[in-house]
Amino acid sequence: MSPTYSEYLRLEELLKLQTGVEGETREISNDELHFILVHQNFELWFKLVINELTCTRDILSSDYVEETKLPQAVHHMDRVIEIFKLMSQQWRVMETLEPQDFLNFRDDLGTASGFESFQMREMESLMGTKWIDGKLMGKKENKKSLYDVTCDWLERTPVQGSVYNSKDDETQVNRFIEEYLEAHKKLYPDTNKEAVQFFDEEQSLRRRRAGLVFIESYRELPLLAWPRKLISTLIELEQSMILWRTSHARMVERMIGRRIGTGGSSGVDYLDMTAKYRVFIDLWAVRSILIKKEALPVLKNKDFYEFRGE
């Protein structure tokens, strides 16, 4: 016998969860019901975001990522982007709660705070950051983050047809960097120092950044089309998360001004701080050093990047 709609979604259980702290006998107001429902919705969306980002991370974590897998990774991130857009709009529902109406039940929250959301912490850690006591920390778990696997993937990017860890690969990559910097200097002598600094790192990081610049510069090549789309989607993913955080901060400022948060944080100041950080720093920074197409180093081994039949 097939389940009913209510049974499939377990609606009876779900609709009994808007009562405040379990075991309390007090009746919650219409405004507090609204407050609980909005935040429960966020947690449900967080669950889906974590699932989608985990799928993306797992695809990119392979030592060799097949080209046919990249559209799937992009699809997972596109869904997360739409979720964050939706959650940003969800703060508009919260804004229908007037400041004094919130104060009527704020004390009942005690020290409960969104900062305690373990799913939010998991989501941030999965992206590549970790927050401890309101401070941004380096990720310490053994499991790689989306940032980690993206870095590994970029480092393996064939540059000028030179394959990662192949003979003379380091020489070929360094030659591309030198030619790129020379072209950049001719076009933008006043800002060339920034481009030099972008590559002025140990070899592993140099190669990763060279792969990123190569994808951005020669994105019209068939085999670079999806890698370029993946990079663009990663940027949009982080942008959507930043905009969601910003919307959150403005909603809180509208509701409680500059009060201390229920969890003891600095409230709006803390929320604004979280919107300043970037996980995919290189993906943002590379835009400062790109050069126009006609000035790029001559492409070598073009056939390497063309589509091939089975």
C-alpha atoms as a PDB file:
ATOM      1  CA  MET A   1       0.000   0.000   0.000  1.00  0.00           C
ATOM      2  CA  SER A   2       1.490   3.302  -1.078  1.00  0.00           C
ATOM      3  CA  PRO A   3       1.906   6.050   1.545  1.00  0.00           C
ATOM      4  CA  THR A   4      -0.264   9.140   1.623  1.00  0.00           C
ATOM      5  CA  TYR A   5       1.186  12.597   1.071  1.00  0.00           C
ATOM      6  CA  SER A   6       1.105  13.236   4.819  1.00  0.00           C
ATOM      7  CA  GLU A   7       2.717   9.890   5.641  1.00  0.00           C
ATOM      8  CA  TYR A   8       5.471  10.330   3.047  1.00  0.00           C
ATOM      9  CA  LEU A   9       6.400  13.758   4.434  1.00  0.00           C
ATOM     10  CA  ARG A  10       5.685  12.752   8.061  1.00  0.00           C
ATOM     11  CA  LEU A  11       3.633  15.899   8.420  1.00  0.00           C
ATOM     12  CA  GLU A  12       2.055  15.062  11.757  1.00  0.00           C
ATOM     13  CA  GLU A  13       5.495  14.852  13.369  1.00  0.00           C
ATOM     14  CA  LEU A  14       6.809  17.884  11.503  1.00  0.00           C
ATOM     15  CA  LEU A  15       3.922  20.167  12.466  1.00  0.00           C
ATOM     16  CA  LYS A  16       4.280  19.348  16.153  1.00  0.00           C
ATOM     17  CA  LEU A  17       7.816  20.768  16.304  1.00  0.00           C
ATOM     18  CA  GLN A  18       6.917  24.480  16.578  1.00  0.00           C
ATOM     19  CA  THR A  19       6.395  24.595  20.335  1.00  0.00           C
ATOM     20  CA  GLY A  20       9.624  26.108  21.630  1.00  0.00           C
ATOM     21  CA  VAL A  21      11.797  24.121  24.055  1.00  0.00           C
ATOM     22  CA  GLU A  22      10.680  20.507  24.480  1.00  0.00           C
ATOM     23  CA  GLY A  23       8.845  19.993  27.775  1.00  0.00           C
ATOM     24  CA  GLU A  24       7.786  23.636  28.190  1.00  0.00           C
ATOM     25  CA  THR A  25       4.100  24.176  28.807  1.00  0.00           C
ATOM     26  CA  ARG A  26       3.846  27.878  27.933  1.00  0.00           C
ATOM     27  CA  GLU A  27       1.946  28.891  24.825  1.00  0.00           C
ATOM     28  CA  ILE A  28       3.960  30.600  22.132  1.00  0.00           C
ATOM     29  CA  SER A  29       2.683  33.739  20.455  1.00  0.00           C
ATOM     30  CA  ASN A  30       1.949  34.181  16.785  1.00  0.00           C
ATOM     31  CA  ASP A  31       5.213  36.148  16.438  1.00  0.00           C
ATOM     32  CA  GLU A  32       7.277  33.459  18.143  1.00  0.00           C
ATOM     33  CA  LEU A  33       5.681  30.783  15.944  1.00  0.00           C
ATOM     34  CA  HIS A  34       6.746  32.844  12.954  1.00  0.00           C
ATOM     35  CA  PHE A  35      10.300  33.152  14.359  1.00  0.00           C
ATOM     36  CA  ILE A  36      10.591  29.390  14.943  1.00  0.00           C
ATOM     37  CA  LEU A  37       9.199  28.427  11.549  1.00  0.00           C
ATOM     38  CA  VAL A  38      11.584  30.688   9.630  1.00  0.00           C
ATOM     39  CA  HIS A  39      14.624  29.318  11.442  1.00  0.00           C
ATOM     40  CA  GLN A  40      13.480  25.720  11.126  1.00  0.00           C
ATOM     41  CA  ASN A  41      13.152  26.345   7.402  1.00  0.00           C
ATOM     42  CA  PHE A  42      16.742  27.557   7.325  1.00  0.00           C
ATOM     43  CA  GLU A  43      17.938  24.388   9.026  1.00  0.00           C
ATOM     44  CA  LEU A  44      16.064  22.229   6.506  1.00  0.00           C
ATOM     45  CA  TRP A  45      17.682  24.128   3.639  1.00  0.00           C
ATOM     46  CA  PHE A  46      21.072  23.789   5.350  1.00  0.00           C
ATOM     47  CA  LYS A  47      20.606  20.019   5.286  1.00  0.00           C
ATOM     48  CA  LEU A  48      20.136  20.101   1.521  1.00  0.00           C
ATOM     49  CA  VAL A  49      23.047  22.525   1.031  1.00  0.00           C
ATOM     50  CA  ILE A  50      25.358  20.194   2.973  1.00  0.00           C
ATOM     51  CA  ASN A  51      24.230  17.239   0.869  1.00  0.00           C
ATOM     52  CA  GLU A  52      24.779  19.085  -2.432  1.00  0.00           C
ATOM     53  CA  LEU A  53      28.183  20.485  -1.419  1.00  0.00           C
ATOM     54  CA  THR A  54      29.275  17.046  -0.233  1.00  0.00           C
ATOM     55  CA  CYS A  55      28.371  15.616  -3.636  1.00  0.00           C
ATOM     56  CA  THR A  56      30.372  18.376  -5.324  1.00  0.00           C
ATOM     57  CA  ARG A  57      33.347  17.806  -3.035  1.00  0.00           C
ATOM     58  CA  ASP A  58      33.283  14.059  -3.654  1.00  0.00           C
ATOM     59  CA  ILE A  59      33.271  14.526  -7.442  1.00  0.00           C
ATOM     60  CA  LEU A  60      36.306  16.833  -7.332  1.00  0.00           C
ATOM     61  CA  SER A  61      38.181  14.722  -4.776  1.00  0.00           C
ATOM     62  CA  SER A  62      39.204  12.072  -7.322  1.00  0.00           C
ATOM     63  CA  ASP A  63      42.832  12.034  -8.438  1.00  0.00           C
ATOM     64  CA  TYR A  64      41.474  12.286 -11.960  1.00  0.00           C
ATOM     65  CA  VAL A  65      38.202  14.125 -12.516  1.00  0.00           C
ATOM     66  CA  GLU A  66      36.554  13.054 -15.757  1.00  0.00           C
ATOM     67  CA  GLU A  67      35.299  15.900 -17.945  1.00  0.00           C
ATOM     68  CA  THR A  68      31.846  14.295 -17.960  1.00  0.00           C
ATOM     69  CA  LYS A  69      31.672  14.723 -14.172  1.00  0.00           C
ATOM     70  CA  LEU A  70      32.132  18.511 -14.218  1.00  0.00           C
ATOM     71  CA  PRO A  71      28.567  19.305 -15.408  1.00  0.00           C
ATOM     72  CA  GLN A  72      27.279  17.202 -12.516  1.00  0.00           C
ATOM     73  CA  ALA A  73      29.404  19.156 -10.017  1.00  0.00           C
ATOM     74  CA  VAL A  74      28.151  22.426 -11.498  1.00  0.00           C
ATOM     75  CA  HIS A  75      24.559  21.176 -11.242  1.00  0.00           C
ATOM     76  CA  HIS A  76      24.936  20.506  -7.510  1.00  0.00           C
ATOM     77  CA  MET A  77      26.347  24.004  -6.934  1.00  0.00           C
ATOM     78  CA  ASP A  78      23.655  25.639  -9.082  1.00  0.00           C
ATOM     79  CA  ARG A  79      21.069  24.147  -6.746  1.00  0.00           C
ATOM     80  CA  VAL A  80      22.897  25.539  -3.699  1.00  0.00           C
ATOM     81  CA  ILE A  81      23.070  28.974  -5.336  1.00  0.00           C
ATOM     82  CA  GLU A  82      19.298  28.977  -5.838  1.00  0.00           C
ATOM     83  CA  ILE A  83      18.811  27.863  -2.227  1.00  0.00           C
ATOM     84  CA  PHE A  84      20.877  30.795  -0.949  1.00  0.00           C
ATOM     85  CA  LYS A  85      18.897  33.182  -3.151  1.00  0.00           C
ATOM     86  CA  LEU A  86      15.710  31.792  -1.664  1.00  0.00           C
ATOM     87  CA  MET A  87      17.070  32.016   1.887  1.00  0.00           C
ATOM     88  CA  SER A  88      18.062  35.640   1.285  1.00  0.00           C
ATOM     89  CA  GLN A  89      14.457  36.391   0.434  1.00  0.00           C
ATOM     90  CA  GLN A  90      13.372  34.462   3.513  1.00  0.00           C
ATOM     91  CA  TRP A  91      14.854  37.222   5.695  1.00  0.00           C
ATOM     92  CA  ARG A  92      12.125  39.462   4.233  1.00  0.00           C
ATOM     93  CA  VAL A  93       9.605  37.293   6.067  1.00  0.00           C
ATOM     94  CA  MET A  94      11.570  37.811   9.288  1.00  0.00           C
ATOM     95  CA  GLU A  95      11.450  41.563   8.731  1.00  0.00           C
ATOM     96  CA  THR A  96       7.681  41.490   9.222  1.00  0.00           C
ATOM     97  CA  LEU A  97       8.468  40.937  12.920  1.00  0.00           C
ATOM     98  CA  GLU A  98       8.499  44.353  14.585  1.00  0.00           C
ATOM     99  CA  PRO A  99      11.366  45.099  17.039  1.00  0.00           C
ATOM    100  CA  GLN A 100       9.105  45.411  20.098  1.00  0.00           C
ATOM    101  CA  ASP A 101       7.213  42.243  19.159  1.00  0.00           C
ATOM    102  CA  PHE A 102      10.534  40.380  19.075  1.00  0.00           C
ATOM    103  CA  LEU A 103      11.473  41.781  22.488  1.00  0.00           C
ATOM    104  CA  ASN A 104       8.276  40.278  23.903  1.00  0.00           C
ATOM    105  CA  PHE A 105       9.763  36.780  23.631  1.00  0.00           C
ATOM    106  CA  ARG A 106      13.503  37.403  23.147  1.00  0.00           C
ATOM    107  CA  ASP A 107      14.264  36.659  26.800  1.00  0.00           C
ATOM    108  CA  ASP A 108      12.698  33.213  26.360  1.00  0.00           C
ATOM    109  CA  LEU A 109      15.507  32.356  23.927  1.00  0.00           C
ATOM    110  CA  GLY A 110      18.021  32.576  26.754  1.00  0.00           C
ATOM    111  CA  THR A 111      21.498  32.232  25.227  1.00  0.00           C
ATOM    112  CA  ALA A 112      20.209  30.334  22.188  1.00  0.00           C
ATOM    113  CA  SER A 113      21.749  31.780  19.043  1.00  0.00           C
ATOM    114  CA  GLY A 114      22.063  30.993  15.357  1.00  0.00           C
ATOM    115  CA  PHE A 115      25.804  30.848  16.015  1.00  0.00           C
ATOM    116  CA  GLU A 116      25.102  27.489  17.693  1.00  0.00           C
ATOM    117  CA  SER A 117      23.758  25.973  14.474  1.00  0.00           C
ATOM    118  CA  PHE A 118      25.893  22.861  14.017  1.00  0.00           C
ATOM    119  CA  GLN A 119      24.696  22.590  10.419  1.00  0.00           C
ATOM    120  CA  MET A 120      25.931  26.108   9.702  1.00  0.00           C
ATOM    121  CA  ARG A 121      29.316  25.169  11.157  1.00  0.00           C
ATOM    122  CA  GLU A 122      29.357  21.985   9.069  1.00  0.00           C
ATOM    123  CA  MET A 123      28.445  23.939   5.953  1.00  0.00           C
ATOM    124  CA  GLU A 124      31.255  26.448   6.528  1.00  0.00           C
ATOM    125  CA  SER A 125      33.730  23.672   7.266  1.00  0.00           C
ATOM    126  CA  LEU A 126      32.680  21.837   4.119  1.00  0.00           C
ATOM    127  CA  MET A 127      33.246  24.989   2.084  1.00  0.00           C
ATOM    128  CA  GLY A 128      36.710  25.414   3.613  1.00  0.00           C
ATOM    129  CA  THR A 129      36.471  27.593   6.713  1.00  0.00           C
ATOM    130  CA  LYS A 130      35.865  26.958  10.384  1.00  0.00           C
ATOM    131  CA  TRP A 131      34.486  29.359  12.980  1.00  0.00           C
ATOM    132  CA  ILE A 132      35.479  28.955  16.632  1.00  0.00           C
ATOM    133  CA  ASP A 133      34.317  31.448  19.271  1.00  0.00           C
ATOM    134  CA  GLY A 134      33.474  33.943  16.555  1.00  0.00           C
ATOM    135  CA  LYS A 135      36.888  33.733  14.893  1.00  0.00           C
ATOM    136  CA  LEU A 136      37.726  32.380  11.471  1.00  0.00           C
ATOM    137  CA  MET A 137      40.073  29.427  11.872  1.00  0.00           C
ATOM    138  CA  GLY A 138      41.925  27.098   9.538  1.00  0.00           C
ATOM    139  CA  LYS A 139      40.141  23.859   8.784  1.00  0.00           C
ATOM    140  CA  LYS A 140      41.498  21.052  10.979  1.00  0.00           C
ATOM    141  CA  GLU A 141      39.381  18.029  10.084  1.00  0.00           C
ATOM    142  CA  ASN A 142      40.982  15.197   8.139  1.00  0.00           C
ATOM    143  CA  LYS A 143      38.233  15.278   5.522  1.00  0.00           C
ATOM    144  CA  LYS A 144      39.089  17.620   2.681  1.00  0.00           C
ATOM    145  CA  SER A 145      36.870  20.625   2.041  1.00  0.00           C
ATOM    146  CA  LEU A 146      35.493  21.869  -1.268  1.00  0.00           C
ATOM    147  CA  TYR A 147      38.275  24.456  -1.206  1.00  0.00           C
ATOM    148  CA  ASP A 148      40.920  21.750  -0.723  1.00  0.00           C
ATOM    149  CA  VAL A 149      39.768  19.558  -3.598  1.00  0.00           C
ATOM    150  CA  THR A 150      39.371  22.600  -5.872  1.00  0.00           C
ATOM    151  CA  CYS A 151      42.988  23.541  -5.172  1.00  0.00           C
ATOM    152  CA  ASP A 152      44.127  19.989  -5.955  1.00  0.00           C
ATOM    153  CA  TRP A 153      42.071  19.970  -9.147  1.00  0.00           C
ATOM    154  CA  LEU A 154      43.490  23.306 -10.329  1.00  0.00           C
ATOM    155  CA  GLU A 155      47.041  22.174  -9.611  1.00  0.00           C
ATOM    156  CA  ARG A 156      46.574  19.259 -12.032  1.00  0.00           C
ATOM    157  CA  THR A 157      45.402  21.521 -14.877  1.00  0.00           C
ATOM    158  CA  PRO A 158      47.434  20.898 -18.061  1.00  0.00           C
ATOM    159  CA  VAL A 159      49.243  24.154 -18.876  1.00  0.00           C
ATOM    160  CA  GLN A 160      50.301  24.667 -22.501  1.00  0.00           C
ATOM    161  CA  GLY A 161      49.673  20.944 -22.951  1.00  0.00           C
ATOM    162  CA  SER A 162      52.058  20.044 -20.143  1.00  0.00           C
ATOM    163  CA  VAL A 163      50.563  17.419 -17.831  1.00  0.00           C
ATOM    164  CA  TYR A 164      50.972  17.625 -14.058  1.00  0.00           C
ATOM    165  CA  ASN A 165      54.059  15.759 -12.778  1.00  0.00           C
ATOM    166  CA  SER A 166      55.227  14.943 -16.305  1.00  0.00           C
ATOM    167  CA  LYS A 167      58.825  15.396 -17.437  1.00  0.00           C
ATOM    168  CA  ASP A 168      59.782  19.100 -17.704  1.00  0.00           C
ATOM    169  CA  ASP A 169      56.343  20.117 -16.403  1.00  0.00           C
ATOM    170  CA  GLU A 170      57.826  22.583 -13.920  1.00  0.00           C
ATOM    171  CA  THR A 171      59.912  24.167 -16.677  1.00  0.00           C
ATOM    172  CA  GLN A 172      56.923  24.483 -19.013  1.00  0.00           C
ATOM    173  CA  VAL A 173      54.696  25.973 -16.333  1.00  0.00           C
ATOM    174  CA  ASN A 174      57.332  28.487 -15.232  1.00  0.00           C
ATOM    175  CA  ARG A 175      57.863  29.505 -18.862  1.00  0.00           C
ATOM    176  CA  PHE A 176      54.138  30.187 -19.240  1.00  0.00           C
ATOM    177  CA  ILE A 177      54.173  32.283 -16.066  1.00  0.00           C
ATOM    178  CA  GLU A 178      57.170  34.295 -17.279  1.00  0.00           C
ATOM    179  CA  GLU A 179      55.555  34.949 -20.670  1.00  0.00           C
ATOM    180  CA  TYR A 180      52.279  35.891 -19.010  1.00  0.00           C
ATOM    181  CA  LEU A 181      53.963  38.320 -16.617  1.00  0.00           C
ATOM    182  CA  GLU A 182      55.921  39.875 -19.461  1.00  0.00           C
ATOM    183  CA  ALA A 183      52.704  40.475 -21.408  1.00  0.00           C
ATOM    184  CA  HIS A 184      51.016  41.837 -18.297  1.00  0.00           C
ATOM    185  CA  LYS A 185      53.876  44.252 -17.661  1.00  0.00           C
ATOM    186  CA  LYS A 186      53.614  45.701 -21.166  1.00  0.00           C
ATOM    187  CA  LEU A 187      49.898  46.334 -20.706  1.00  0.00           C
ATOM    188  CA  TYR A 188      49.756  47.296 -17.044  1.00  0.00           C
ATOM    189  CA  PRO A 189      53.188  48.412 -15.809  1.00  0.00           C
ATOM    190  CA  ASP A 190      51.680  50.269 -12.857  1.00  0.00           C
ATOM    191  CA  THR A 191      50.015  47.148 -11.442  1.00  0.00           C
ATOM    192  CA  ASN A 192      52.434  44.470 -12.621  1.00  0.00           C
ATOM    193  CA  LYS A 193      53.775  44.076  -9.096  1.00  0.00           C
ATOM    194  CA  GLU A 194      50.416  42.623  -8.053  1.00  0.00           C
ATOM    195  CA  ALA A 195      50.620  40.028 -10.837  1.00  0.00           C
ATOM    196  CA  VAL A 196      54.187  39.093  -9.876  1.00  0.00           C
ATOM    197  CA  GLN A 197      53.141  38.645  -6.258  1.00  0.00           C
ATOM    198  CA  PHE A 198      50.273  36.401  -7.347  1.00  0.00           C
ATOM    199  CA  PHE A 199      52.801  33.894  -8.692  1.00  0.00           C
ATOM    200  CA  ASP A 200      55.580  34.549  -6.185  1.00  0.00           C
ATOM    201  CA  GLU A 201      54.957  31.432  -4.094  1.00  0.00           C
ATOM    202  CA  GLU A 202      56.296  27.902  -3.687  1.00  0.00           C
ATOM    203  CA  GLN A 203      55.989  25.698  -6.765  1.00  0.00           C
ATOM    204  CA  SER A 204      52.811  23.823  -5.798  1.00  0.00           C
ATOM    205  CA  LEU A 205      50.900  27.083  -5.327  1.00  0.00           C
ATOM    206  CA  ARG A 206      52.493  28.574  -8.466  1.00  0.00           C
ATOM    207  CA  ARG A 207      51.286  25.641 -10.511  1.00  0.00           C
ATOM    208  CA  ARG A 208      47.783  25.847  -9.082  1.00  0.00           C
ATOM    209  CA  ARG A 209      47.565  29.537  -9.878  1.00  0.00           C
ATOM    210  CA  ALA A 210      49.062  28.989 -13.321  1.00  0.00           C
ATOM    211  CA  GLY A 211      46.316  26.422 -13.976  1.00  0.00           C
ATOM    212  CA  LEU A 212      43.690  28.925 -12.863  1.00  0.00           C
ATOM    213  CA  VAL A 213      45.090  31.703 -15.080  1.00  0.00           C
ATOM    214  CA  PHE A 214      45.360  29.283 -18.008  1.00  0.00           C
ATOM    215  CA  ILE A 215      41.704  28.228 -17.711  1.00  0.00           C
ATOM    216  CA  GLU A 216      40.534  31.843 -17.420  1.00  0.00           C
ATOM    217  CA  SER A 217      42.725  32.973 -20.323  1.00  0.00           C
ATOM    218  CA  TYR A 218      41.965  30.219 -22.850  1.00  0.00           C
ATOM    219  CA  ARG A 219      38.389  29.448 -21.799  1.00  0.00           C
ATOM    220  CA  GLU A 220      37.196  29.165 -25.413  1.00  0.00           C
ATOM    221  CA  LEU A 221      39.131  25.909 -25.859  1.00  0.00           C
ATOM    222  CA  PRO A 222      36.706  22.942 -25.861  1.00  0.00           C
ATOM    223  CA  LEU A 223      38.309  21.046 -22.976  1.00  0.00           C
ATOM    224  CA  LEU A 224      38.464  24.197 -20.845  1.00  0.00           C
ATOM    225  CA  ALA A 225      34.832  25.202 -21.275  1.00  0.00           C
ATOM    226  CA  TRP A 226      33.501  23.172 -18.341  1.00  0.00           C
ATOM    227  CA  PRO A 227      36.490  23.875 -16.079  1.00  0.00           C
ATOM    228  CA  ARG A 228      35.849  27.597 -16.700  1.00  0.00           C
ATOM    229  CA  LYS A 229      32.144  27.077 -15.944  1.00  0.00           C
ATOM    230  CA  LEU A 230      33.064  25.287 -12.726  1.00  0.00           C
ATOM    231  CA  ILE A 231      35.260  28.180 -11.594  1.00  0.00           C
ATOM    232  CA  SER A 232      32.547  30.704 -12.420  1.00  0.00           C
ATOM    233  CA  THR A 233      29.990  28.654 -10.481  1.00  0.00           C
ATOM    234  CA  LEU A 234      32.289  28.447  -7.432  1.00  0.00           C
ATOM    235  CA  ILE A 235      32.491  32.249  -7.468  1.00  0.00           C
ATOM    236  CA  GLU A 236      28.710  32.548  -7.779  1.00  0.00           C
ATOM    237  CA  LEU A 237      28.297  30.021  -4.971  1.00  0.00           C
ATOM    238  CA  GLU A 238      30.405  32.052  -2.573  1.00  0.00           C
ATOM    239  CA  GLN A 239      28.786  35.287  -3.748  1.00  0.00           C
ATOM    240  CA  SER A 240      25.321  33.904  -3.001  1.00  0.00           C
ATOM    241  CA  MET A 241      26.467  32.912   0.482  1.00  0.00           C
ATOM    242  CA  ILE A 242      27.941  36.385   1.088  1.00  0.00           C
ATOM    243  CA  LEU A 243      24.709  38.068  -0.047  1.00  0.00           C
ATOM    244  CA  TRP A 244      22.720  35.802   2.267  1.00  0.00           C
ATOM    245  CA  ARG A 245      24.966  36.785   5.191  1.00  0.00           C
ATOM    246  CA  THR A 246      24.612  40.457   4.272  1.00  0.00           C
ATOM    247  CA  SER A 247      20.805  40.158   4.156  1.00  0.00           C
ATOM    248  CA  HIS A 248      20.940  38.470   7.553  1.00  0.00           C
ATOM    249  CA  ALA A 249      22.976  41.319   9.030  1.00  0.00           C
ATOM    250  CA  ARG A 250      20.620  43.973   7.703  1.00  0.00           C
ATOM    251  CA  MET A 251      17.579  42.108   9.034  1.00  0.00           C
ATOM    252  CA  VAL A 252      19.162  41.837  12.488  1.00  0.00           C
ATOM    253  CA  GLU A 253      20.173  45.508  12.459  1.00  0.00           C
ATOM    254  CA  ARG A 254      16.618  46.466  11.551  1.00  0.00           C
ATOM    255  CA  MET A 255      15.214  44.325  14.362  1.00  0.00           C
ATOM    256  CA  ILE A 256      17.617  44.795  17.306  1.00  0.00           C
ATOM    257  CA  GLY A 257      19.938  47.593  16.198  1.00  0.00           C
ATOM    258  CA  ARG A 258      23.377  47.265  17.803  1.00  0.00           C
ATOM    259  CA  ARG A 259      22.346  45.102  20.742  1.00  0.00           C
ATOM    260  CA  ILE A 260      24.539  42.201  21.828  1.00  0.00           C
ATOM    261  CA  GLY A 261      23.426  38.928  20.254  1.00  0.00           C
ATOM    262  CA  THR A 262      21.550  36.344  22.364  1.00  0.00           C
ATOM    263  CA  GLY A 263      24.586  34.077  22.218  1.00  0.00           C
ATOM    264  CA  GLY A 264      26.889  36.837  23.485  1.00  0.00           C
ATOM    265  CA  SER A 265      28.288  37.812  20.076  1.00  0.00           C
ATOM    266  CA  SER A 266      28.598  41.431  19.000  1.00  0.00           C
ATOM    267  CA  GLY A 267      25.421  41.011  16.985  1.00  0.00           C
ATOM    268  CA  VAL A 268      25.392  42.984  13.740  1.00  0.00           C
ATOM    269  CA  ASP A 269      29.136  43.667  13.910  1.00  0.00           C
ATOM    270  CA  TYR A 270      29.809  39.922  14.048  1.00  0.00           C
ATOM    271  CA  LEU A 271      27.448  39.226  11.150  1.00  0.00           C
ATOM    272  CA  ASP A 272      29.064  41.951   9.055  1.00  0.00           C
ATOM    273  CA  MET A 273      32.471  40.433   9.822  1.00  0.00           C
ATOM    274  CA  THR A 274      31.409  37.039   8.460  1.00  0.00           C
ATOM    275  CA  ALA A 275      30.476  38.650   5.129  1.00  0.00           C
ATOM    276  CA  LYS A 276      34.012  40.003   4.635  1.00  0.00           C
ATOM    277  CA  TYR A 277      35.807  36.671   4.393  1.00  0.00           C
ATOM    278  CA  ARG A 278      36.408  34.735   1.189  1.00  0.00           C
ATOM    279  CA  VAL A 279      37.070  31.019   0.918  1.00  0.00           C
ATOM    280  CA  PHE A 280      38.066  30.898  -2.751  1.00  0.00           C
ATOM    281  CA  ILE A 281      40.534  33.770  -2.493  1.00  0.00           C
ATOM    282  CA  ASP A 282      42.503  32.968  -5.649  1.00  0.00           C
ATOM    283  CA  LEU A 283      39.366  32.698  -7.770  1.00  0.00           C
ATOM    284  CA  TRP A 284      38.481  36.268  -6.793  1.00  0.00           C
ATOM    285  CA  ALA A 285      42.046  37.604  -6.910  1.00  0.00           C
ATOM    286  CA  VAL A 286      42.861  36.307 -10.395  1.00  0.00           C
ATOM    287  CA  ARG A 287      40.410  38.801 -11.876  1.00  0.00           C
ATOM    288  CA  SER A 288      42.799  41.588 -10.921  1.00  0.00           C
ATOM    289  CA  ILE A 289      45.603  40.252 -13.133  1.00  0.00           C
ATOM    290  CA  LEU A 290      43.828  38.982 -16.273  1.00  0.00           C
ATOM    291  CA  ILE A 291      44.909  40.400 -19.641  1.00  0.00           C
ATOM    292  CA  LYS A 292      43.084  40.768 -22.940  1.00  0.00           C
ATOM    293  CA  LYS A 293      43.009  37.837 -25.329  1.00  0.00           C
ATOM    294  CA  GLU A 294      45.255  39.275 -28.062  1.00  0.00           C
ATOM    295  CA  ALA A 295      48.069  39.883 -25.560  1.00  0.00           C
ATOM    296  CA  LEU A 296      48.161  36.329 -24.196  1.00  0.00           C
ATOM    297  CA  PRO A 297      51.203  34.079 -24.661  1.00  0.00           C
ATOM    298  CA  VAL A 298      51.038  32.046 -27.867  1.00  0.00           C
ATOM    299  CA  LEU A 299      49.016  28.905 -27.204  1.00  0.00           C
ATOM    300  CA  LYS A 300      51.041  25.714 -27.535  1.00  0.00           C
ATOM    301  CA  ASN A 301      49.722  22.200 -28.142  1.00  0.00           C
ATOM    302  CA  LYS A 302      46.265  23.484 -29.072  1.00  0.00           C
ATOM    303  CA  ASP A 303      45.200  20.029 -30.248  1.00  0.00           C
ATOM    304  CA  PHE A 304      45.571  18.818 -26.661  1.00  0.00           C
ATOM    305  CA  TYR A 305      42.524  20.890 -25.694  1.00  0.00           C
ATOM    306  CA  GLU A 306      40.290  19.916 -28.613  1.00  0.00           C
ATOM    307  CA  PHE A 307      37.466  17.391 -28.374  1.00  0.00           C
ATOM    308  CA  ARG A 308      38.449  13.865 -29.311  1.00  0.00           C
ATOM    309  CA  GLY A 309      36.361  10.944 -30.490  1.00  0.00           C
ATOM    310  CA  GLU A 310      36.176   7.650 -28.694  1.00  0.00           C
END
